[in-house]
Amino acid sequence: MGKKKDSKSTVAKLPKIECCESKTKCGRCPLRMLKEGTLPSGYTVKKRKLVRVDGKKVTKKKLAKAA
């Protein structure tokens, strides 16, 4: 059988790759996360898109490792 996940553990929310321009800013909006300071280190937002500070391509796999 599969393993049970501990209900007490919290998973970090990953930011979206691009902002959806919603007026009420969703929970994963990179703009909102940048403002709150919850964006993973090494990432920033330019022109509503999530980018890496070092200029490399953003991938979901690398983003999950950073968070």
C-alpha atoms as a PDB file:
ATOM      1  CA  MET A   1       0.000   0.000   0.000  1.00  0.00           C
ATOM      2  CA  GLY A   2       0.993   3.631  -0.431  1.00  0.00           C
ATOM      3  CA  LYS A   3       2.509   5.763   2.284  1.00  0.00           C
ATOM      4  CA  LYS A   4       0.326   8.146   4.239  1.00  0.00           C
ATOM      5  CA  LYS A   5       1.348  11.770   4.266  1.00  0.00           C
ATOM      6  CA  ASP A   6       1.648  13.480   7.626  1.00  0.00           C
ATOM      7  CA  SER A   7      -1.178  15.978   7.946  1.00  0.00           C
ATOM      8  CA  LYS A   8       1.014  18.337  10.000  1.00  0.00           C
ATOM      9  CA  SER A   9       3.634  18.838   7.281  1.00  0.00           C
ATOM     10  CA  THR A  10       3.156  21.904   5.103  1.00  0.00           C
ATOM     11  CA  VAL A  11       4.128  22.070   1.467  1.00  0.00           C
ATOM     12  CA  ALA A  12       5.577  25.355   0.218  1.00  0.00           C
ATOM     13  CA  LYS A  13       3.407  26.984  -2.417  1.00  0.00           C
ATOM     14  CA  LEU A  14       5.216  27.292  -5.712  1.00  0.00           C
ATOM     15  CA  PRO A  15       4.707  30.484  -7.676  1.00  0.00           C
ATOM     16  CA  LYS A  16       3.140  30.410 -11.124  1.00  0.00           C
ATOM     17  CA  ILE A  17       5.476  30.943 -14.080  1.00  0.00           C
ATOM     18  CA  GLU A  18       3.431  33.934 -15.273  1.00  0.00           C
ATOM     19  CA  CYS A  19       0.996  36.286 -13.533  1.00  0.00           C
ATOM     20  CA  CYS A  20      -2.633  35.875 -14.597  1.00  0.00           C
ATOM     21  CA  GLU A  21      -3.347  39.623 -14.105  1.00  0.00           C
ATOM     22  CA  SER A  22      -6.218  38.932 -11.717  1.00  0.00           C
ATOM     23  CA  LYS A  23      -7.325  41.983  -9.714  1.00  0.00           C
ATOM     24  CA  THR A  24      -7.534  39.903  -6.517  1.00  0.00           C
ATOM     25  CA  LYS A  25      -4.050  38.296  -6.938  1.00  0.00           C
ATOM     26  CA  CYS A  26      -4.276  34.549  -6.494  1.00  0.00           C
ATOM     27  CA  GLY A  27      -2.313  32.721  -3.782  1.00  0.00           C
ATOM     28  CA  ARG A  28       0.463  31.651  -6.178  1.00  0.00           C
ATOM     29  CA  CYS A  29       0.917  34.963  -8.006  1.00  0.00           C
ATOM     30  CA  PRO A  30       4.645  35.707  -8.440  1.00  0.00           C
ATOM     31  CA  LEU A  31       4.009  39.442  -8.004  1.00  0.00           C
ATOM     32  CA  ARG A  32       2.267  38.923  -4.672  1.00  0.00           C
ATOM     33  CA  MET A  33       4.905  36.449  -3.485  1.00  0.00           C
ATOM     34  CA  LEU A  34       7.671  38.903  -4.408  1.00  0.00           C
ATOM     35  CA  LYS A  35       5.973  41.664  -2.429  1.00  0.00           C
ATOM     36  CA  GLU A  36       5.463  39.410   0.625  1.00  0.00           C
ATOM     37  CA  GLY A  37       8.986  38.011   0.416  1.00  0.00           C
ATOM     38  CA  THR A  38       7.855  34.389   0.013  1.00  0.00           C
ATOM     39  CA  LEU A  39       9.376  33.947  -3.456  1.00  0.00           C
ATOM     40  CA  PRO A  40      12.149  31.285  -3.432  1.00  0.00           C
ATOM     41  CA  SER A  41      15.672  32.684  -3.280  1.00  0.00           C
ATOM     42  CA  GLY A  42      17.322  33.165  -6.651  1.00  0.00           C
ATOM     43  CA  TYR A  43      14.071  34.135  -8.380  1.00  0.00           C
ATOM     44  CA  THR A  44      12.530  37.488  -9.275  1.00  0.00           C
ATOM     45  CA  VAL A  45       9.729  38.860 -11.464  1.00  0.00           C
ATOM     46  CA  LYS A  46      10.206  40.849 -14.671  1.00  0.00           C
ATOM     47  CA  LYS A  47       7.329  41.905 -16.926  1.00  0.00           C
ATOM     48  CA  ARG A  48       4.891  39.734 -14.889  1.00  0.00           C
ATOM     49  CA  LYS A  49       6.988  36.593 -15.580  1.00  0.00           C
ATOM     50  CA  LEU A  50       9.024  34.590 -13.098  1.00  0.00           C
ATOM     51  CA  VAL A  51      12.738  34.655 -13.968  1.00  0.00           C
ATOM     52  CA  ARG A  52      15.936  33.455 -12.340  1.00  0.00           C
ATOM     53  CA  VAL A  53      18.404  36.032 -11.093  1.00  0.00           C
ATOM     54  CA  ASP A  54      21.326  34.280 -12.827  1.00  0.00           C
ATOM     55  CA  GLY A  55      19.524  34.369 -16.189  1.00  0.00           C
ATOM     56  CA  LYS A  56      18.975  30.616 -16.617  1.00  0.00           C
ATOM     57  CA  LYS A  57      15.648  29.172 -17.758  1.00  0.00           C
ATOM     58  CA  VAL A  58      12.918  28.646 -15.152  1.00  0.00           C
ATOM     59  CA  THR A  59      11.664  25.057 -14.939  1.00  0.00           C
ATOM     60  CA  LYS A  60       9.115  23.573 -12.565  1.00  0.00           C
ATOM     61  CA  LYS A  61      11.599  20.908 -11.469  1.00  0.00           C
ATOM     62  CA  LYS A  62      14.257  23.451 -10.439  1.00  0.00           C
ATOM     63  CA  LEU A  63      11.614  25.670  -8.891  1.00  0.00           C
ATOM     64  CA  ALA A  64      10.388  22.810  -6.699  1.00  0.00           C
ATOM     65  CA  LYS A  65      13.942  22.181  -5.485  1.00  0.00           C
ATOM     66  CA  ALA A  66      14.437  25.866  -4.617  1.00  0.00           C
ATOM     67  CA  ALA A  67      11.220  26.026  -2.604  1.00  0.00           C
END
